[in-house]
Amino acid sequence: MHYPRLDTVLMVEEFIQENSGKFKKRQLWGHLPKRMMYQTFCVIFDYLINSGKIAVDQEGKVGWVWNPELVRKYLSKRYKHLVIR
């Protein structure tokens, strides 16, 4: 198995953000600006799913859902005693 480099993970994140909701998983892999092995892409995809940065809708299309500003706003109201950086 090939583990991705940070620049590759960031490239996939950026591509998904720019094309949120346009592609299904396999289509997304085929449209990336940089070629990579499908297994490597799957490692990145699983990381993004498990970290809550992306989601897959009922049609199978991949969308960017991570919104750190909204999270900060929500947490600052709910947990005023926590410091969020």
N, C-alpha and C. Protein backbone atom coordinates (compact mmCIF):
# COMPACT_ATOMS: atom_id res chain seq x y z
N MET A 1 0.85 -1.18 0.00
CA MET A 1 0.00 0.00 0.00
C MET A 1 0.90 1.24 0.00
N HIS A 2 0.47 2.25 -0.72
CA HIS A 2 1.20 3.51 -0.78
C HIS A 2 0.51 4.52 0.12
N TYR A 3 1.26 5.06 1.07
CA TYR A 3 0.71 6.11 1.92
C TYR A 3 0.98 7.46 1.29
N PRO A 4 0.01 8.34 1.30
CA PRO A 4 0.14 9.62 0.61
C PRO A 4 1.03 10.60 1.36
N ARG A 5 1.65 11.46 0.59
CA ARG A 5 2.40 12.58 1.17
C ARG A 5 1.40 13.68 1.49
N LEU A 6 1.81 14.59 2.35
CA LEU A 6 0.93 15.67 2.77
C LEU A 6 0.47 16.51 1.58
N ASP A 7 1.36 16.81 0.65
CA ASP A 7 0.96 17.64 -0.50
C ASP A 7 -0.11 16.95 -1.34
N THR A 8 -0.08 15.63 -1.38
CA THR A 8 -1.08 14.88 -2.13
C THR A 8 -2.44 14.94 -1.41
N VAL A 9 -2.42 14.80 -0.10
CA VAL A 9 -3.66 14.90 0.68
C VAL A 9 -4.27 16.29 0.50
N LEU A 10 -3.45 17.31 0.60
CA LEU A 10 -3.93 18.69 0.45
C LEU A 10 -4.48 18.94 -0.95
N MET A 11 -3.86 18.36 -1.97
CA MET A 11 -4.34 18.50 -3.35
C MET A 11 -5.73 17.89 -3.49
N VAL A 12 -5.95 16.71 -2.90
CA VAL A 12 -7.25 16.06 -2.97
C VAL A 12 -8.28 16.89 -2.20
N GLU A 13 -7.92 17.37 -1.01
CA GLU A 13 -8.84 18.22 -0.24
C GLU A 13 -9.26 19.44 -1.05
N GLU A 14 -8.29 20.13 -1.64
CA GLU A 14 -8.59 21.34 -2.42
C GLU A 14 -9.47 21.02 -3.61
N PHE A 15 -9.18 19.93 -4.30
CA PHE A 15 -9.98 19.55 -5.46
C PHE A 15 -11.42 19.26 -5.06
N ILE A 16 -11.61 18.57 -3.94
CA ILE A 16 -12.96 18.25 -3.50
C ILE A 16 -13.69 19.53 -3.10
N GLN A 17 -13.00 20.44 -2.41
CA GLN A 17 -13.63 21.71 -2.03
C GLN A 17 -14.12 22.47 -3.26
N GLU A 18 -13.29 22.52 -4.29
CA GLU A 18 -13.63 23.26 -5.51
C GLU A 18 -14.71 22.58 -6.34
N ASN A 19 -14.84 21.27 -6.19
CA ASN A 19 -15.79 20.50 -7.01
C ASN A 19 -16.81 19.76 -6.16
N SER A 20 -17.15 20.31 -5.04
CA SER A 20 -18.06 19.67 -4.09
C SER A 20 -19.41 19.33 -4.74
N GLY A 21 -19.79 18.08 -4.64
CA GLY A 21 -21.08 17.63 -5.15
C GLY A 21 -21.13 17.31 -6.63
N LYS A 22 -20.01 17.39 -7.33
CA LYS A 22 -20.00 17.14 -8.78
C LYS A 22 -19.69 15.70 -9.16
N PHE A 23 -18.88 15.02 -8.36
CA PHE A 23 -18.38 13.70 -8.76
C PHE A 23 -18.67 12.64 -7.71
N LYS A 24 -18.79 11.40 -8.19
CA LYS A 24 -18.81 10.25 -7.31
C LYS A 24 -17.34 9.88 -7.04
N LYS A 25 -17.14 8.96 -6.11
CA LYS A 25 -15.78 8.63 -5.67
C LYS A 25 -14.86 8.27 -6.83
N ARG A 26 -15.25 7.32 -7.65
CA ARG A 26 -14.38 6.86 -8.74
C ARG A 26 -14.16 7.96 -9.78
N GLN A 27 -15.20 8.73 -10.07
CA GLN A 27 -15.08 9.85 -11.01
C GLN A 27 -14.13 10.90 -10.47
N LEU A 28 -14.23 11.15 -9.18
CA LEU A 28 -13.37 12.12 -8.52
C LEU A 28 -11.91 11.75 -8.72
N TRP A 29 -11.59 10.49 -8.48
CA TRP A 29 -10.22 9.99 -8.65
C TRP A 29 -9.75 10.21 -10.09
N GLY A 30 -10.60 9.97 -11.06
CA GLY A 30 -10.24 10.13 -12.46
C GLY A 30 -10.05 11.58 -12.90
N HIS A 31 -10.61 12.53 -12.17
CA HIS A 31 -10.52 13.94 -12.55
C HIS A 31 -9.47 14.72 -11.77
N LEU A 32 -8.78 14.06 -10.84
CA LEU A 32 -7.77 14.76 -10.05
C LEU A 32 -6.68 15.33 -10.97
N PRO A 33 -6.12 16.48 -10.61
CA PRO A 33 -5.08 17.08 -11.45
C PRO A 33 -3.77 16.30 -11.44
N LYS A 34 -3.58 15.44 -10.46
CA LYS A 34 -2.35 14.64 -10.36
C LYS A 34 -2.73 13.17 -10.26
N ARG A 35 -2.12 12.34 -11.07
CA ARG A 35 -2.43 10.91 -11.06
C ARG A 35 -1.86 10.24 -9.82
N MET A 36 -2.59 9.26 -9.30
CA MET A 36 -2.11 8.47 -8.18
C MET A 36 -2.78 7.12 -8.24
N MET A 37 -2.21 6.16 -7.53
CA MET A 37 -2.81 4.83 -7.47
C MET A 37 -4.16 4.93 -6.77
N TYR A 38 -5.10 4.11 -7.20
CA TYR A 38 -6.43 4.13 -6.60
C TYR A 38 -6.38 3.78 -5.12
N GLN A 39 -5.48 2.86 -4.74
CA GLN A 39 -5.36 2.47 -3.33
C GLN A 39 -4.91 3.66 -2.48
N THR A 40 -4.01 4.48 -3.01
CA THR A 40 -3.56 5.67 -2.30
C THR A 40 -4.71 6.66 -2.16
N PHE A 41 -5.47 6.83 -3.23
CA PHE A 41 -6.64 7.70 -3.20
C PHE A 41 -7.63 7.22 -2.13
N CYS A 42 -7.82 5.92 -2.04
CA CYS A 42 -8.76 5.36 -1.06
C CYS A 42 -8.31 5.64 0.38
N VAL A 43 -7.00 5.62 0.62
CA VAL A 43 -6.49 5.95 1.95
C VAL A 43 -6.84 7.40 2.28
N ILE A 44 -6.64 8.31 1.33
CA ILE A 44 -6.98 9.72 1.53
C ILE A 44 -8.48 9.87 1.72
N PHE A 45 -9.26 9.21 0.88
CA PHE A 45 -10.72 9.30 0.93
C PHE A 45 -11.23 8.83 2.30
N ASP A 46 -10.72 7.71 2.78
CA ASP A 46 -11.13 7.19 4.08
C ASP A 46 -10.77 8.16 5.20
N TYR A 47 -9.58 8.75 5.11
CA TYR A 47 -9.18 9.74 6.10
C TYR A 47 -10.15 10.93 6.11
N LEU A 48 -10.50 11.43 4.92
CA LEU A 48 -11.39 12.59 4.83
C LEU A 48 -12.80 12.27 5.34
N ILE A 49 -13.29 11.07 5.07
CA ILE A 49 -14.59 10.63 5.57
C ILE A 49 -14.55 10.54 7.10
N ASN A 50 -13.54 9.85 7.62
CA ASN A 50 -13.45 9.61 9.06
C ASN A 50 -13.18 10.88 9.86
N SER A 51 -12.56 11.88 9.24
CA SER A 51 -12.29 13.13 9.94
C SER A 51 -13.45 14.12 9.82
N GLY A 52 -14.48 13.74 9.06
CA GLY A 52 -15.66 14.59 8.93
C GLY A 52 -15.49 15.75 7.97
N LYS A 53 -14.53 15.66 7.07
CA LYS A 53 -14.30 16.73 6.11
C LYS A 53 -15.15 16.57 4.85
N ILE A 54 -15.47 15.34 4.50
CA ILE A 54 -16.30 15.09 3.32
C ILE A 54 -17.44 14.15 3.71
N ALA A 55 -18.44 14.13 2.85
CA ALA A 55 -19.57 13.21 3.01
C ALA A 55 -20.01 12.76 1.63
N VAL A 56 -20.73 11.66 1.59
CA VAL A 56 -21.24 11.11 0.34
C VAL A 56 -22.77 11.13 0.43
N ASP A 57 -23.41 11.72 -0.58
CA ASP A 57 -24.87 11.81 -0.55
C ASP A 57 -25.51 10.53 -1.05
N GLN A 58 -26.84 10.51 -1.13
CA GLN A 58 -27.58 9.31 -1.54
C GLN A 58 -27.27 8.91 -2.98
N GLU A 59 -26.87 9.86 -3.81
CA GLU A 59 -26.52 9.55 -5.19
C GLU A 59 -25.08 9.07 -5.32
N GLY A 60 -24.32 9.13 -4.22
CA GLY A 60 -22.93 8.72 -4.25
C GLY A 60 -21.97 9.85 -4.55
N LYS A 61 -22.47 11.08 -4.64
CA LYS A 61 -21.60 12.22 -4.93
C LYS A 61 -20.92 12.70 -3.66
N VAL A 62 -19.67 13.11 -3.84
CA VAL A 62 -18.82 13.51 -2.72
C VAL A 62 -18.91 15.02 -2.53
N GLY A 63 -19.12 15.43 -1.29
CA GLY A 63 -19.21 16.86 -0.99
C GLY A 63 -18.33 17.24 0.18
N TRP A 64 -17.82 18.46 0.13
CA TRP A 64 -17.01 19.00 1.22
C TRP A 64 -17.96 19.53 2.29
N VAL A 65 -17.83 19.06 3.52
CA VAL A 65 -18.74 19.48 4.58
C VAL A 65 -18.04 20.16 5.75
N TRP A 66 -16.73 20.11 5.80
CA TRP A 66 -15.99 20.68 6.92
C TRP A 66 -16.05 22.20 6.87
N ASN A 67 -16.48 22.80 7.98
CA ASN A 67 -16.58 24.25 8.08
C ASN A 67 -16.00 24.67 9.44
N PRO A 68 -14.69 24.91 9.52
CA PRO A 68 -14.07 25.19 10.81
C PRO A 68 -14.60 26.47 11.48
N GLU A 69 -14.98 27.45 10.69
CA GLU A 69 -15.52 28.68 11.28
C GLU A 69 -16.85 28.41 11.99
N LEU A 70 -17.70 27.61 11.38
CA LEU A 70 -18.97 27.25 12.00
C LEU A 70 -18.74 26.43 13.27
N VAL A 71 -17.78 25.53 13.23
CA VAL A 71 -17.46 24.72 14.40
C VAL A 71 -16.98 25.62 15.54
N ARG A 72 -16.08 26.55 15.23
CA ARG A 72 -15.59 27.48 16.26
C ARG A 72 -16.74 28.29 16.86
N LYS A 73 -17.61 28.77 16.01
CA LYS A 73 -18.75 29.57 16.47
C LYS A 73 -19.65 28.74 17.38
N TYR A 74 -19.97 27.52 16.95
CA TYR A 74 -20.83 26.65 17.73
C TYR A 74 -20.20 26.31 19.08
N LEU A 75 -18.93 25.92 19.05
CA LEU A 75 -18.26 25.53 20.28
C LEU A 75 -18.06 26.71 21.22
N SER A 76 -17.81 27.88 20.70
CA SER A 76 -17.60 29.04 21.57
C SER A 76 -18.89 29.40 22.32
N LYS A 77 -20.03 29.17 21.72
CA LYS A 77 -21.31 29.43 22.38
C LYS A 77 -21.64 28.34 23.40
N ARG A 78 -21.37 27.12 23.02
CA ARG A 78 -21.76 26.00 23.87
C ARG A 78 -20.78 25.75 25.01
N TYR A 79 -19.50 25.94 24.72
CA TYR A 79 -18.46 25.65 25.71
C TYR A 79 -17.60 26.91 25.91
N LYS A 80 -18.14 27.89 26.54
CA LYS A 80 -17.44 29.17 26.71
C LYS A 80 -16.16 29.03 27.52
N HIS A 81 -16.05 28.00 28.31
CA HIS A 81 -14.87 27.83 29.14
C HIS A 81 -13.69 27.21 28.37
N LEU A 82 -13.93 26.69 27.17
CA LEU A 82 -12.87 26.09 26.36
C LEU A 82 -12.18 27.14 25.50
N VAL A 83 -10.89 26.94 25.30
CA VAL A 83 -10.14 27.81 24.40
C VAL A 83 -10.01 27.07 23.08
N ILE A 84 -10.50 27.66 22.00
CA ILE A 84 -10.47 27.03 20.68
C ILE A 84 -9.52 27.84 19.81
N ARG A 85 -8.51 27.19 19.30
CA ARG A 85 -7.50 27.89 18.50
C ARG A 85 -7.68 27.66 17.04
